[in-house]
Amino acid sequence: MFYSNENHFQTMPLVNVKSSIEIKDKTDDLLKKLSSKISNLTGKPEKYVMVVIESNLRMMFGGSKEGCCFIEIKSIGSLEPTKISDELCNLINNEIGIKNDRIYINFEDVQPNMWGYNNSTFG
């Protein structure tokens, strides 16, 4: 076990963003903003936050190819879906122009023993 049970809640949020919009000139800025935002919203140190962005994907939402986004958030605890959803939808809308009603977010609370890191797991 890498961390004791008392400390595992201080680790590992993952944010995976998939967008139909090309954001290559804004990717580095958006990576940093998402990392900082998730750290603040979960109360976890940013040094453990991982953010992945895939853009310019072929996606359809509601029968339309208008800009859309799918976000996955995985964490060992510390998820407040309603609060995080509001904050991330607004961030994505402000940064890359995807409408809030064209964004899906999937939240997953991961068990510590199911997340590996540094040759071990968190539980």
C-alpha atoms as a PDB file:
ATOM      1  CA  MET A   1       0.000   0.000   0.000  1.00  0.00           C
ATOM      2  CA  PHE A   2       1.420   3.355  -1.007  1.00  0.00           C
ATOM      3  CA  TYR A   3      -0.618   5.544   1.364  1.00  0.00           C
ATOM      4  CA  SER A   4      -2.233   4.895   4.698  1.00  0.00           C
ATOM      5  CA  ASN A   5      -6.027   4.965   4.859  1.00  0.00           C
ATOM      6  CA  GLU A   6      -5.895   8.357   6.561  1.00  0.00           C
ATOM      7  CA  ASN A   7      -4.070   9.917   3.599  1.00  0.00           C
ATOM      8  CA  HIS A   8      -5.564   8.221   0.530  1.00  0.00           C
ATOM      9  CA  PHE A   9      -8.263  10.863   0.202  1.00  0.00           C
ATOM     10  CA  GLN A  10      -5.523  13.385  -0.578  1.00  0.00           C
ATOM     11  CA  THR A  11      -4.699  11.763  -3.893  1.00  0.00           C
ATOM     12  CA  MET A  12      -5.501  11.063  -7.519  1.00  0.00           C
ATOM     13  CA  PRO A  13      -8.234  12.997  -9.258  1.00  0.00           C
ATOM     14  CA  LEU A  14      -8.289  12.268 -12.992  1.00  0.00           C
ATOM     15  CA  VAL A  15     -10.096  14.504 -15.477  1.00  0.00           C
ATOM     16  CA  ASN A  16     -10.496  13.198 -19.024  1.00  0.00           C
ATOM     17  CA  VAL A  17     -11.988  15.707 -21.493  1.00  0.00           C
ATOM     18  CA  LYS A  18     -13.139  14.670 -24.957  1.00  0.00           C
ATOM     19  CA  SER A  19     -14.282  17.464 -27.234  1.00  0.00           C
ATOM     20  CA  SER A  20     -15.521  17.763 -30.793  1.00  0.00           C
ATOM     21  CA  ILE A  21     -14.014  21.264 -30.927  1.00  0.00           C
ATOM     22  CA  GLU A  22     -10.362  21.730 -31.962  1.00  0.00           C
ATOM     23  CA  ILE A  23      -8.608  23.450 -29.066  1.00  0.00           C
ATOM     24  CA  LYS A  24      -4.944  22.931 -29.911  1.00  0.00           C
ATOM     25  CA  ASP A  25      -3.924  26.585 -29.460  1.00  0.00           C
ATOM     26  CA  LYS A  26      -5.613  26.674 -26.018  1.00  0.00           C
ATOM     27  CA  THR A  27      -4.758  23.171 -24.806  1.00  0.00           C
ATOM     28  CA  ASP A  28      -1.909  24.059 -22.411  1.00  0.00           C
ATOM     29  CA  ASP A  29      -3.922  26.874 -20.831  1.00  0.00           C
ATOM     30  CA  LEU A  30      -7.003  24.662 -20.474  1.00  0.00           C
ATOM     31  CA  LEU A  31      -4.937  21.812 -18.971  1.00  0.00           C
ATOM     32  CA  LYS A  32      -3.642  24.151 -16.278  1.00  0.00           C
ATOM     33  CA  LYS A  33      -7.066  25.684 -15.560  1.00  0.00           C
ATOM     34  CA  LEU A  34      -8.724  22.275 -15.262  1.00  0.00           C
ATOM     35  CA  SER A  35      -5.942  20.966 -13.012  1.00  0.00           C
ATOM     36  CA  SER A  36      -6.198  23.939 -10.684  1.00  0.00           C
ATOM     37  CA  LYS A  37     -10.018  23.878 -10.692  1.00  0.00           C
ATOM     38  CA  ILE A  38     -10.233  20.163  -9.828  1.00  0.00           C
ATOM     39  CA  SER A  39      -7.627  20.563  -7.101  1.00  0.00           C
ATOM     40  CA  ASN A  40      -9.679  23.382  -5.570  1.00  0.00           C
ATOM     41  CA  LEU A  41     -13.035  21.621  -5.963  1.00  0.00           C
ATOM     42  CA  THR A  42     -11.844  18.341  -4.435  1.00  0.00           C
ATOM     43  CA  GLY A  43      -9.485  19.829  -1.854  1.00  0.00           C
ATOM     44  CA  LYS A  44      -6.692  17.591  -3.147  1.00  0.00           C
ATOM     45  CA  PRO A  45      -3.101  18.651  -3.877  1.00  0.00           C
ATOM     46  CA  GLU A  46      -2.614  19.605  -7.515  1.00  0.00           C
ATOM     47  CA  LYS A  47       0.533  17.469  -7.658  1.00  0.00           C
ATOM     48  CA  TYR A  48      -1.764  14.400  -7.793  1.00  0.00           C
ATOM     49  CA  VAL A  49      -4.237  15.745 -10.380  1.00  0.00           C
ATOM     50  CA  MET A  50      -4.016  14.309 -13.905  1.00  0.00           C
ATOM     51  CA  VAL A  51      -5.794  15.995 -16.817  1.00  0.00           C
ATOM     52  CA  VAL A  52      -6.176  14.532 -20.306  1.00  0.00           C
ATOM     53  CA  ILE A  53      -7.627  16.474 -23.234  1.00  0.00           C
ATOM     54  CA  GLU A  54      -8.584  14.973 -26.574  1.00  0.00           C
ATOM     55  CA  SER A  55     -10.003  17.433 -29.067  1.00  0.00           C
ATOM     56  CA  ASN A  56     -11.290  17.543 -32.609  1.00  0.00           C
ATOM     57  CA  LEU A  57     -13.030  14.188 -32.136  1.00  0.00           C
ATOM     58  CA  ARG A  58     -15.888  12.996 -34.265  1.00  0.00           C
ATOM     59  CA  MET A  59     -18.790  13.272 -31.848  1.00  0.00           C
ATOM     60  CA  MET A  60     -22.537  13.630 -32.027  1.00  0.00           C
ATOM     61  CA  PHE A  61     -24.860  14.672 -29.216  1.00  0.00           C
ATOM     62  CA  GLY A  62     -28.635  14.855 -29.511  1.00  0.00           C
ATOM     63  CA  GLY A  63     -28.508  14.060 -33.220  1.00  0.00           C
ATOM     64  CA  SER A  64     -26.345  17.125 -33.891  1.00  0.00           C
ATOM     65  CA  LYS A  65     -22.660  17.590 -34.699  1.00  0.00           C
ATOM     66  CA  GLU A  66     -22.653  21.002 -33.003  1.00  0.00           C
ATOM     67  CA  GLY A  67     -19.763  21.348 -30.541  1.00  0.00           C
ATOM     68  CA  CYS A  68     -20.040  18.948 -27.616  1.00  0.00           C
ATOM     69  CA  CYS A  69     -17.914  17.570 -24.821  1.00  0.00           C
ATOM     70  CA  PHE A  70     -17.711  14.478 -22.607  1.00  0.00           C
ATOM     71  CA  ILE A  71     -15.835  14.723 -19.309  1.00  0.00           C
ATOM     72  CA  GLU A  72     -14.893  11.843 -17.022  1.00  0.00           C
ATOM     73  CA  ILE A  73     -13.874  12.594 -13.455  1.00  0.00           C
ATOM     74  CA  LYS A  74     -12.444   9.835 -11.294  1.00  0.00           C
ATOM     75  CA  SER A  75     -11.336  10.300  -7.717  1.00  0.00           C
ATOM     76  CA  ILE A  76     -10.913   8.483  -4.440  1.00  0.00           C
ATOM     77  CA  GLY A  77     -13.651  10.335  -2.589  1.00  0.00           C
ATOM     78  CA  SER A  78     -14.064  14.132  -2.463  1.00  0.00           C
ATOM     79  CA  LEU A  79     -16.545  14.319  -5.339  1.00  0.00           C
ATOM     80  CA  GLU A  80     -19.421  16.790  -5.155  1.00  0.00           C
ATOM     81  CA  PRO A  81     -21.027  16.208  -8.577  1.00  0.00           C
ATOM     82  CA  THR A  82     -23.491  19.120  -8.557  1.00  0.00           C
ATOM     83  CA  LYS A  83     -20.856  21.680  -7.578  1.00  0.00           C
ATOM     84  CA  ILE A  84     -18.183  20.253  -9.879  1.00  0.00           C
ATOM     85  CA  SER A  85     -20.625  19.982 -12.807  1.00  0.00           C
ATOM     86  CA  ASP A  86     -21.561  23.651 -12.541  1.00  0.00           C
ATOM     87  CA  GLU A  87     -17.950  24.807 -12.308  1.00  0.00           C
ATOM     88  CA  LEU A  88     -16.627  22.614 -15.144  1.00  0.00           C
ATOM     89  CA  CYS A  89     -19.497  23.316 -17.539  1.00  0.00           C
ATOM     90  CA  ASN A  90     -18.937  27.046 -17.067  1.00  0.00           C
ATOM     91  CA  LEU A  91     -15.162  26.675 -17.487  1.00  0.00           C
ATOM     92  CA  ILE A  92     -15.521  24.670 -20.714  1.00  0.00           C
ATOM     93  CA  ASN A  93     -18.140  27.090 -22.033  1.00  0.00           C
ATOM     94  CA  ASN A  94     -15.985  30.143 -21.258  1.00  0.00           C
ATOM     95  CA  GLU A  95     -12.734  28.645 -22.556  1.00  0.00           C
ATOM     96  CA  ILE A  96     -13.766  26.817 -25.732  1.00  0.00           C
ATOM     97  CA  GLY A  97     -17.362  27.908 -26.348  1.00  0.00           C
ATOM     98  CA  ILE A  98     -19.221  24.630 -25.916  1.00  0.00           C
ATOM     99  CA  LYS A  99     -22.705  25.266 -24.572  1.00  0.00           C
ATOM    100  CA  ASN A 100     -23.444  23.908 -21.098  1.00  0.00           C
ATOM    101  CA  ASP A 101     -26.319  21.807 -22.442  1.00  0.00           C
ATOM    102  CA  ARG A 102     -23.888  20.072 -24.832  1.00  0.00           C
ATOM    103  CA  ILE A 103     -21.631  18.736 -22.056  1.00  0.00           C
ATOM    104  CA  TYR A 104     -21.967  15.386 -20.297  1.00  0.00           C
ATOM    105  CA  ILE A 105     -19.939  14.633 -17.170  1.00  0.00           C
ATOM    106  CA  ASN A 106     -19.442  11.176 -15.678  1.00  0.00           C
ATOM    107  CA  PHE A 107     -18.314  10.979 -12.041  1.00  0.00           C
ATOM    108  CA  GLU A 108     -16.676   7.880 -10.585  1.00  0.00           C
ATOM    109  CA  ASP A 109     -15.718   7.414  -6.940  1.00  0.00           C
ATOM    110  CA  VAL A 110     -12.872   4.890  -7.112  1.00  0.00           C
ATOM    111  CA  GLN A 111     -11.967   2.498  -4.304  1.00  0.00           C
ATOM    112  CA  PRO A 112      -8.359   3.090  -3.113  1.00  0.00           C
ATOM    113  CA  ASN A 113      -7.297  -0.493  -3.843  1.00  0.00           C
ATOM    114  CA  MET A 114      -8.448  -0.094  -7.466  1.00  0.00           C
ATOM    115  CA  TRP A 115      -6.077   2.779  -8.314  1.00  0.00           C
ATOM    116  CA  GLY A 116      -2.413   2.104  -8.941  1.00  0.00           C
ATOM    117  CA  TYR A 117       0.436   4.557  -8.511  1.00  0.00           C
ATOM    118  CA  ASN A 118       4.196   4.307  -8.059  1.00  0.00           C
ATOM    119  CA  ASN A 119       4.381   0.470  -8.091  1.00  0.00           C
ATOM    120  CA  SER A 120       1.482   0.033  -5.639  1.00  0.00           C
ATOM    121  CA  THR A 121      -2.116   1.063  -5.000  1.00  0.00           C
ATOM    122  CA  PHE A 122      -3.684   3.639  -2.723  1.00  0.00           C
ATOM    123  CA  GLY A 123      -5.400   1.041  -0.552  1.00  0.00           C
END
